[in-house]
Protein backbone atom coordinates (compact mmCIF):
# COMPACT_ATOMS: atom_id res chain seq x y z
CA MET A 1 -35.21 -38.52 54.38
CA GLY A 2 -38.03 -40.02 52.34
CA ASN A 3 -39.07 -39.06 48.86
CA ARG A 4 -40.34 -35.50 48.95
CA LEU A 5 -42.19 -35.66 45.64
CA SER A 6 -43.35 -39.24 45.43
CA LYS A 7 -46.84 -38.44 44.13
CA LEU A 8 -47.03 -35.73 41.46
CA ALA A 9 -50.72 -35.95 40.54
CA THR A 10 -52.32 -35.41 43.94
CA LYS A 11 -55.60 -33.95 42.58
CA THR A 12 -55.82 -31.85 45.75
CA GLY A 13 -55.61 -28.66 43.68
CA ASP A 14 -58.60 -29.51 41.53
CA ASP A 15 -60.71 -27.20 43.70
CA GLY A 16 -58.58 -24.15 42.80
CA THR A 17 -56.46 -24.20 45.95
CA THR A 18 -52.90 -25.22 46.67
CA GLY A 19 -51.13 -26.20 49.86
CA ILE A 20 -48.34 -24.45 51.70
CA SER A 21 -46.71 -25.31 55.02
CA GLY A 22 -48.79 -25.90 58.11
CA ASN A 23 -51.53 -27.72 56.19
CA THR A 24 -52.71 -24.34 54.92
CA ARG A 25 -54.59 -24.17 51.63
CA LEU A 26 -54.70 -20.98 49.60
CA ALA A 27 -56.50 -19.97 46.43
CA LYS A 28 -54.19 -20.46 43.46
CA ASP A 29 -54.58 -16.76 42.62
CA SER A 30 -53.81 -15.50 46.14
CA SER A 31 -51.03 -12.94 46.50
CA ARG A 32 -48.75 -15.48 48.18
CA ILE A 33 -49.21 -18.11 45.47
CA GLU A 34 -48.77 -15.43 42.76
CA ALA A 35 -45.45 -14.48 44.36
CA ILE A 36 -44.34 -18.12 44.63
CA GLY A 37 -45.32 -18.79 41.02
CA THR A 38 -43.54 -15.73 39.68
CA VAL A 39 -40.34 -16.60 41.56
CA ASP A 40 -40.61 -20.10 40.05
CA GLU A 41 -41.10 -18.57 36.59
CA LEU A 42 -38.06 -16.36 37.16
CA ASN A 43 -35.97 -19.37 38.10
CA ALA A 44 -37.04 -21.16 34.91
CA ALA A 45 -36.21 -18.05 32.83
CA ILE A 46 -32.76 -17.91 34.39
CA GLY A 47 -32.41 -21.61 33.53
CA MET A 48 -33.10 -20.62 29.93
CA VAL A 49 -30.29 -18.07 30.10
CA THR A 50 -27.90 -20.68 31.50
CA SER A 51 -28.72 -23.07 28.65
CA GLN A 52 -26.81 -20.69 26.37
CA GLU A 53 -23.06 -20.31 26.07
CA LEU A 54 -22.06 -17.85 28.79
CA PRO A 55 -18.85 -16.59 30.36
CA ASP A 56 -17.97 -18.81 33.33
CA ASP A 57 -18.34 -16.04 35.92
CA ILE A 58 -21.86 -15.12 34.75
CA SER A 59 -22.85 -18.79 34.54
CA GLY A 60 -21.54 -19.45 38.05
CA SER A 61 -23.37 -16.45 39.47
CA LEU A 62 -26.63 -17.47 37.81
CA ASN A 63 -26.27 -21.01 39.15
CA GLU A 64 -25.92 -19.65 42.70
CA ILE A 65 -28.90 -17.34 42.11
CA GLN A 66 -31.06 -20.28 41.02
CA HIS A 67 -30.38 -21.98 44.35
CA ARG A 68 -31.31 -18.80 46.22
CA LEU A 69 -34.54 -18.50 44.21
CA PHE A 70 -35.51 -22.01 45.33
CA ASP A 71 -34.84 -20.82 48.88
CA LEU A 72 -37.03 -17.78 48.26
CA GLY A 73 -39.88 -19.92 46.92
CA GLY A 74 -39.55 -22.16 49.97
CA GLU A 75 -39.57 -19.16 52.25
CA LEU A 76 -42.77 -17.88 50.63
CA ALA A 77 -44.37 -21.31 51.07
CA MET A 78 -43.19 -21.52 54.70
CA PRO A 79 -43.92 -18.04 56.09
CA ASP A 80 -42.31 -18.87 59.46
CA TYR A 81 -38.88 -19.36 57.84
CA GLN A 82 -36.37 -16.79 56.64
CA LEU A 83 -34.02 -18.32 54.09
CA ILE A 84 -32.95 -15.19 52.21
CA LYS A 85 -30.68 -13.12 54.40
CA ASP A 86 -28.81 -9.83 54.20
CA GLU A 87 -25.63 -11.67 53.18
CA HIS A 88 -27.39 -12.91 50.03
CA VAL A 89 -28.21 -9.31 49.12
CA ALA A 90 -24.61 -8.36 49.92
CA GLN A 91 -23.36 -11.03 47.48
CA LEU A 92 -25.49 -9.50 44.73
CA ASP A 93 -24.01 -6.08 45.58
CA ILE A 94 -20.48 -7.50 45.24
CA TRP A 95 -21.31 -9.03 41.87
CA LEU A 96 -23.00 -5.81 40.74
CA GLN A 97 -19.92 -3.78 41.53
CA ASP A 98 -17.56 -6.27 39.90
CA PHE A 99 -19.55 -6.78 36.70
CA ASN A 100 -20.59 -3.13 36.38
CA GLU A 101 -16.94 -2.02 36.38
CA ARG A 102 -16.53 -3.84 33.06
CA LEU A 103 -19.13 -1.69 31.32
CA PRO A 104 -18.99 1.78 29.79
CA PRO A 105 -21.34 4.36 31.33
CA LEU A 106 -24.91 4.16 30.14
CA LYS A 107 -26.22 7.28 28.42
CA GLU A 108 -29.56 6.00 27.17
CA PHE A 109 -31.97 3.11 27.61
CA VAL A 110 -30.91 -0.20 26.07
CA LEU A 111 -33.24 -2.02 23.69
CA PRO A 112 -34.01 -5.55 24.94
CA LYS A 113 -32.62 -7.41 21.93
CA GLY A 114 -29.56 -9.26 20.74
CA SER A 115 -28.48 -12.88 20.94
CA ILE A 116 -30.68 -15.58 22.47
CA ALA A 117 -28.59 -15.39 25.65
CA THR A 118 -29.06 -11.62 25.86
CA THR A 119 -32.77 -11.60 25.10
CA SER A 120 -33.35 -14.53 27.49
CA CYS A 121 -31.58 -12.50 30.16
CA HIS A 122 -33.78 -9.47 29.39
CA LEU A 123 -36.84 -11.69 29.74
CA ALA A 124 -35.55 -12.99 33.09
CA ARG A 125 -34.96 -9.37 34.18
CA THR A 126 -38.56 -8.37 33.42
CA ILE A 127 -39.92 -11.45 35.20
CA CYS A 128 -37.73 -10.53 38.17
CA ARG A 129 -39.33 -7.08 38.26
CA ARG A 130 -42.76 -8.73 38.24
CA ALA A 131 -41.72 -11.06 41.06
CA GLU A 132 -40.68 -8.02 43.06
CA ARG A 133 -44.06 -6.37 42.38
CA ARG A 134 -45.81 -9.56 43.56
CA MET A 135 -43.75 -9.44 46.77
CA VAL A 136 -44.78 -5.81 47.32
CA THR A 137 -48.44 -6.76 46.83
CA LEU A 138 -48.07 -9.64 49.28
CA SER A 139 -46.39 -7.34 51.82
CA LYS A 140 -49.57 -5.24 51.93
CA GLU A 141 -51.52 -8.29 53.11
CA ASP A 142 -48.98 -10.23 55.13
CA GLN A 143 -45.59 -9.79 56.69
CA ILE A 144 -42.69 -10.76 54.43
CA ASN A 145 -38.94 -10.90 54.76
CA GLN A 146 -37.71 -7.52 53.52
CA ALA A 147 -34.32 -9.02 52.60
CA ALA A 148 -36.16 -11.26 50.11
CA ARG A 149 -37.89 -8.29 48.47
CA ILE A 150 -34.60 -6.36 48.35
CA TYR A 151 -32.90 -9.47 46.90
CA LEU A 152 -35.29 -9.38 43.93
CA ASN A 153 -34.74 -5.66 43.43
CA ARG A 154 -30.98 -6.09 43.41
CA LEU A 155 -31.23 -9.20 41.23
CA SER A 156 -33.09 -7.31 38.50
CA ASP A 157 -30.25 -4.78 38.47
CA LEU A 158 -27.68 -7.56 38.19
CA LEU A 159 -29.62 -9.22 35.37
CA PHE A 160 -29.59 -5.90 33.51
CA VAL A 161 -25.81 -5.71 33.93
CA PHE A 162 -25.56 -9.28 32.62
CA CYS A 163 -27.71 -8.28 29.61
CA ARG A 164 -25.30 -5.46 28.83
CA LEU A 165 -22.25 -7.68 29.20
CA LEU A 166 -23.74 -10.36 26.99
CA SER A 167 -24.82 -7.88 24.32
CA GLN A 168 -21.35 -6.31 24.31
CA SER A 169 -19.72 -9.71 23.86
CA ASP A 170 -21.73 -10.26 20.66
CA ASN A 171 -21.71 -6.56 19.70
CA SER A 172 -25.52 -6.30 19.74
CA GLU A 173 -26.12 -3.57 22.34
CA GLU A 174 -28.39 -0.96 20.80
CA MET A 175 -29.51 2.20 22.53
CA TRP A 176 -33.00 3.57 22.34
CA GLN A 177 -33.22 6.45 19.88
CA SER A 178 -35.57 8.84 21.58
CA ARG A 179 -38.00 10.88 19.55
CA ARG A 180 -38.72 13.14 22.51
CA VAL A 181 -41.16 15.89 21.71
CA LYS A 182 -42.93 17.95 24.36
CA ALA A 183 -46.67 17.37 24.46
CA ASP A 184 -47.47 21.00 23.64
CA GLU A 185 -45.21 21.15 20.56
């Protein structure tokens, strides 16, 4: 196999378009490119989380997830391919169950704060939610792999569980203190 990225400054995107498979060019703000870009941003945010000191099992899971996110970006750029499959979603479900068992029940919303690892994970979680929204938008215009959309939904749940685990390890989990007042009071 030759060099895949031998020329990084192609200048072909100077007109506001970018290429995907099949010699197709799309506007850089198209729904498909927005989804690809947000998945890429999510992968970078998870890379930020992994640059911190983490428990080995969380680090290993995040490493595997980063590989799957590259697959997802590739799948979005090559609409005829399906790289994210039901078994990838099933793996997230297994991790969710395992990691969630380590946590006390949640009685209130958790503030997105704490150590750099925890807050980086919260940021990754919110980017994951945005990536999922971009996939939903794209699905209104074009057919997408539903397993990929579900993968992002499940991943945001897992990232939240990781946030809780990380904040408990440094004793920084803080619950939202609601000031609930009915509108007519």
